[in-house]
Protein backbone atom coordinates (compact mmCIF):
# COMPACT_ATOMS: atom_id res chain seq x y z
CA MET A 1 -6.47 12.19 -21.65
CA THR A 2 -7.09 10.30 -18.39
CA ALA A 3 -5.42 11.77 -15.32
CA PRO A 4 -3.04 9.51 -13.38
CA ALA A 5 -4.56 7.77 -10.39
CA LEU A 6 -1.66 9.06 -8.28
CA GLU A 7 1.05 11.60 -8.96
CA LEU A 8 3.81 12.88 -6.68
CA ARG A 9 5.54 16.00 -7.95
CA GLY A 10 8.82 16.96 -6.34
CA VAL A 11 7.76 15.84 -2.86
CA GLN A 12 10.08 16.69 0.02
CA ALA A 13 9.28 15.63 3.59
CA ALA A 14 10.89 15.56 7.01
CA TYR A 15 10.43 14.39 10.57
CA GLY A 16 11.35 17.44 12.59
CA ASP A 17 14.79 18.61 11.43
CA ALA A 18 15.57 15.33 9.69
CA GLN A 19 14.67 15.54 6.01
CA VAL A 20 13.76 12.15 4.54
CA LEU A 21 12.41 12.82 1.03
CA TRP A 22 14.24 14.95 -1.52
CA GLY A 23 12.10 15.67 -4.57
CA VAL A 24 10.23 12.40 -5.13
CA ASP A 25 8.27 11.98 -8.38
CA TRP A 26 5.86 9.07 -8.93
CA GLN A 27 3.16 8.53 -11.52
CA VAL A 28 0.70 5.64 -11.22
CA ASN A 29 -2.02 4.99 -13.77
CA PRO A 30 -5.53 3.76 -12.93
CA GLY A 31 -5.64 -0.02 -12.42
CA GLU A 32 -1.87 -0.48 -12.22
CA VAL A 33 0.09 -2.46 -9.65
CA VAL A 34 3.28 -0.46 -9.06
CA ALA A 35 6.15 -1.48 -6.80
CA VAL A 36 8.26 0.94 -4.78
CA VAL A 37 11.39 -0.87 -3.65
CA GLY A 38 14.68 -0.05 -2.02
CA PRO A 39 16.79 -0.65 1.06
CA ASN A 40 15.74 0.15 4.59
CA GLY A 41 15.69 3.91 5.21
CA ALA A 42 15.13 4.79 1.55
CA GLY A 43 12.02 6.85 2.33
CA LYS A 44 9.48 4.46 0.86
CA SER A 45 7.13 4.34 3.85
CA THR A 46 7.46 8.08 4.38
CA ALA A 47 6.22 8.66 0.84
CA LEU A 48 3.16 6.53 1.57
CA ARG A 49 2.50 8.55 4.74
CA VAL A 50 2.56 11.72 2.66
CA VAL A 51 0.06 10.28 0.18
CA ALA A 52 -2.23 9.16 3.03
CA GLY A 53 -2.19 12.61 4.63
CA LEU A 54 -0.35 11.44 7.74
CA LEU A 55 2.64 13.69 7.00
CA ARG A 56 2.55 17.08 5.31
CA PRO A 57 5.22 17.59 2.66
CA LEU A 58 7.71 20.42 3.03
CA ARG A 59 7.48 21.04 -0.71
CA GLY A 60 5.87 19.42 -3.71
CA GLU A 61 2.41 18.20 -4.54
CA VAL A 62 0.33 15.01 -4.36
CA TRP A 63 -2.45 14.56 -6.93
CA PHE A 64 -5.14 11.89 -6.89
CA HIS A 65 -7.30 11.47 -10.02
CA GLY A 66 -6.71 15.10 -10.96
CA GLU A 67 -7.30 16.57 -7.48
CA ARG A 68 -4.53 17.93 -5.29
CA ILE A 69 -4.73 16.18 -1.91
CA ASP A 70 -1.52 17.03 -0.03
CA GLY A 71 -3.36 19.64 2.07
CA LEU A 72 -6.11 17.26 3.19
CA SER A 73 -6.45 15.50 6.54
CA PRO A 74 -6.10 11.68 6.68
CA ASP A 75 -9.88 11.30 7.02
CA GLN A 76 -10.45 13.44 3.94
CA VAL A 77 -7.90 11.41 1.97
CA VAL A 78 -9.69 8.18 2.93
CA GLU A 79 -13.01 9.71 1.88
CA ARG A 80 -11.50 10.44 -1.54
CA GLY A 81 -10.76 6.72 -1.93
CA VAL A 82 -7.22 6.14 -0.63
CA ALA A 83 -6.54 3.33 1.87
CA LEU A 84 -3.21 2.65 3.58
CA VAL A 85 -2.41 -0.82 4.95
CA PRO A 86 0.47 0.01 7.30
CA GLU A 87 3.61 -1.94 7.99
CA GLY A 88 3.08 -4.35 10.88
CA ARG A 89 -0.68 -4.68 10.15
CA ARG A 90 -1.74 -2.76 13.31
CA LEU A 91 -4.85 -4.79 13.92
CA PHE A 92 -6.94 -4.60 17.08
CA ALA A 93 -5.67 -7.89 18.47
CA HIS A 94 -8.35 -8.36 21.13
CA MET A 95 -11.23 -7.63 18.75
CA THR A 96 -12.71 -10.18 16.39
CA VAL A 97 -12.03 -10.44 12.68
CA LEU A 98 -15.51 -9.08 11.97
CA GLU A 99 -15.08 -6.15 14.35
CA ASN A 100 -11.77 -5.21 12.71
CA LEU A 101 -13.42 -5.31 9.30
CA LEU A 102 -16.38 -3.20 10.33
CA LEU A 103 -14.03 -0.55 11.67
CA GLY A 104 -12.47 -0.36 8.23
CA GLY A 105 -15.82 0.67 6.76
CA TYR A 106 -16.39 3.67 8.99
CA THR A 107 -16.27 6.41 6.35
CA ALA A 108 -19.39 8.03 4.94
CA ARG A 109 -18.71 6.69 1.43
CA ALA A 110 -18.27 3.15 2.80
CA ARG A 111 -20.99 2.87 5.45
CA SER A 112 -23.92 2.80 3.02
CA VAL A 113 -22.52 -0.26 1.21
CA ARG A 114 -20.74 -1.90 4.16
CA ARG A 115 -22.80 -5.08 4.05
CA GLN A 116 -22.11 -5.55 0.33
CA THR A 117 -18.40 -4.82 0.81
CA LEU A 118 -18.24 -7.35 3.62
CA ARG A 119 -19.65 -10.02 1.31
CA GLU A 120 -17.08 -9.13 -1.35
CA VAL A 121 -14.23 -9.23 1.17
CA PHE A 122 -15.31 -12.64 2.45
CA GLU A 123 -15.40 -13.92 -1.15
CA LEU A 124 -11.84 -12.65 -1.63
CA PHE A 125 -10.68 -14.03 1.74
CA PRO A 126 -12.74 -17.14 2.60
CA VAL A 127 -10.55 -17.86 5.63
CA LEU A 128 -11.70 -14.59 7.20
CA ALA A 129 -15.33 -15.61 6.76
CA GLU A 130 -14.56 -18.90 8.50
CA ARG A 131 -12.83 -17.09 11.36
CA SER A 132 -15.01 -13.99 11.59
CA GLY A 133 -15.72 -14.57 15.29
CA GLN A 134 -12.09 -15.28 16.19
CA THR A 135 -9.92 -12.57 17.77
CA ALA A 136 -7.39 -11.08 15.39
CA GLY A 137 -4.45 -11.75 17.68
CA THR A 138 -4.98 -15.52 17.43
CA LEU A 139 -4.66 -15.61 13.64
CA SER A 140 -1.49 -16.74 11.88
CA GLY A 141 0.82 -14.09 10.45
CA GLY A 142 -0.48 -14.65 6.94
CA GLN A 143 -4.10 -14.49 8.06
CA GLN A 144 -3.39 -11.27 9.93
CA GLN A 145 -1.93 -9.75 6.77
CA MET A 146 -5.02 -10.82 4.84
CA LEU A 147 -7.18 -9.19 7.52
CA ALA A 148 -5.18 -5.97 7.33
CA ILE A 149 -5.66 -5.83 3.54
CA ALA A 150 -9.35 -6.71 3.89
CA ARG A 151 -9.84 -3.96 6.47
CA GLY A 152 -8.35 -1.50 3.99
CA LEU A 153 -10.72 -2.71 1.28
CA MET A 154 -13.71 -2.08 3.56
CA SER A 155 -13.29 1.66 2.92
CA ARG A 156 -14.03 1.06 -0.80
CA PRO A 157 -10.69 2.47 -2.02
CA ARG A 158 -9.79 3.41 -5.54
CA LEU A 159 -6.13 3.38 -4.48
CA LEU A 160 -4.69 0.79 -2.06
CA LEU A 161 -1.30 1.51 -0.48
CA LEU A 162 0.45 -1.57 0.93
CA ASP A 163 3.46 -1.04 3.20
CA GLU A 164 5.73 -4.11 3.48
CA PRO A 165 2.96 -6.73 3.09
CA SER A 166 5.44 -9.64 2.96
CA LEU A 167 7.22 -8.70 6.20
CA GLY A 168 7.78 -11.76 8.40
CA LEU A 169 5.84 -14.14 6.16
CA ALA A 170 6.93 -17.50 4.74
CA PRO A 171 7.51 -17.56 0.96
CA VAL A 172 4.39 -19.63 0.30
CA VAL A 173 2.28 -17.10 2.21
CA VAL A 174 3.91 -14.20 0.36
CA GLN A 175 2.81 -15.87 -2.88
CA GLN A 176 -0.76 -16.04 -1.56
CA VAL A 177 -0.69 -12.36 -0.58
CA TYR A 178 0.43 -11.31 -4.04
CA GLU A 179 -2.19 -13.49 -5.69
CA VAL A 180 -4.76 -11.51 -3.71
CA VAL A 181 -3.12 -8.24 -4.82
CA ARG A 182 -3.47 -9.36 -8.43
CA ARG A 183 -7.17 -10.12 -7.93
CA ILE A 184 -7.73 -6.74 -6.26
CA ALA A 185 -6.18 -4.97 -9.24
CA LEU A 186 -8.38 -6.95 -11.63
CA GLN A 187 -11.37 -5.45 -9.82
CA GLY A 188 -10.18 -1.99 -10.86
CA VAL A 189 -8.34 -0.89 -7.72
CA THR A 190 -4.97 0.81 -8.26
CA VAL A 191 -2.28 -0.67 -5.99
CA VAL A 192 1.06 0.74 -4.83
CA VAL A 193 3.22 -1.77 -2.95
CA VAL A 194 6.22 -0.68 -0.89
CA GLU A 195 8.67 -3.49 -0.21
CA GLN A 196 12.20 -3.97 1.05
CA ASN A 197 11.77 -7.59 -0.06
CA VAL A 198 12.47 -6.78 -3.71
CA PHE A 199 12.10 -9.98 -5.67
CA PRO A 200 8.57 -11.16 -4.76
CA VAL A 201 7.01 -7.79 -5.52
CA LEU A 202 8.92 -7.34 -8.78
CA HIS A 203 7.72 -10.77 -9.83
CA HIS A 204 4.13 -9.53 -9.53
CA ALA A 205 4.31 -5.80 -10.35
CA PRO A 206 5.12 -5.04 -13.99
CA ARG A 207 6.60 -1.63 -13.21
CA GLY A 208 8.14 0.20 -10.31
CA TYR A 209 10.37 2.78 -8.69
CA LEU A 210 13.65 2.17 -6.90
CA MET A 211 14.35 4.54 -4.01
CA ALA A 212 17.56 5.18 -2.06
CA GLY A 213 18.47 8.04 0.25
CA GLY A 214 15.05 9.64 -0.06
CA ARG A 215 15.18 9.89 -3.84
CA VAL A 216 13.98 7.91 -6.84
CA VAL A 217 17.19 6.51 -8.32
CA ALA A 218 15.64 4.33 -11.03
CA GLN A 219 12.28 3.53 -12.55
CA GLY A 220 10.92 1.27 -15.22
CA SER A 221 9.99 -2.35 -15.75
CA ALA A 222 10.58 -4.93 -13.05
CA GLU A 223 13.29 -6.48 -15.22
CA THR A 224 15.06 -3.12 -15.48
CA LEU A 225 14.99 -2.53 -11.73
CA VAL A 226 16.37 -5.98 -10.90
CA ARG A 227 19.42 -5.21 -13.05
CA THR A 228 20.22 -1.87 -11.36
CA GLU A 229 23.43 -1.49 -9.39
CA VAL A 230 21.55 -0.65 -6.16
CA VAL A 231 19.53 -3.87 -6.28
CA GLN A 232 22.48 -6.00 -7.29
CA ARG A 233 24.69 -4.56 -4.57
CA SER A 234 22.05 -4.49 -1.79
CA TYR A 235 20.20 -7.73 -2.48
CA VAL A 236 22.34 -9.98 -4.63
CA GLY A 237 25.82 -9.08 -3.41
CA GLY A 238 27.00 -8.17 -6.87
């Protein structure tokens, strides 16, 4: 039986004395696109930080393709094949598109194939090839989000974690971002997308988890999650 690409088992986490996660369980299969949705403050981004090694859990375990990784440093997690595209993109605004991309391919597993990966990224994002010499800070919001995703792909991930990729983008650009996510998944990369903007991601991810108050309060198909009381109350006004 194939091990899940990602598994969180009873994960609890805190910032100082403030506990944020209370026994979170996720299971993501290889090649899936899975949404993690919920209102602001639900703990979604914190869970991604735990997976990426940026925050040690108080309790619980994180498994990646059958290996426990919650004790690893962020660099070690990236070397295993996990890439986090953070909320707000966090690009180097005064560096060029190409320079930002090359920084994404710094790991040992990525450096040897960096030229090939760059070609693949430019095929996926032609606008970045056209603007490779342009500074990142002069790109549009949508182009910056594409660059942030592309920089994550430069590390040759098996698991891509996207934190609020639609934040601040026009609906037509959000559609473009999720078309790229679909194409990434078709290439065999597992994708977990955290979004407060529920409906676009649930239109593109077949399955997901709904979080509130640091816990998973519902899981299942996108259609199931849209009908939950939390979504109806928080996003529809029902």
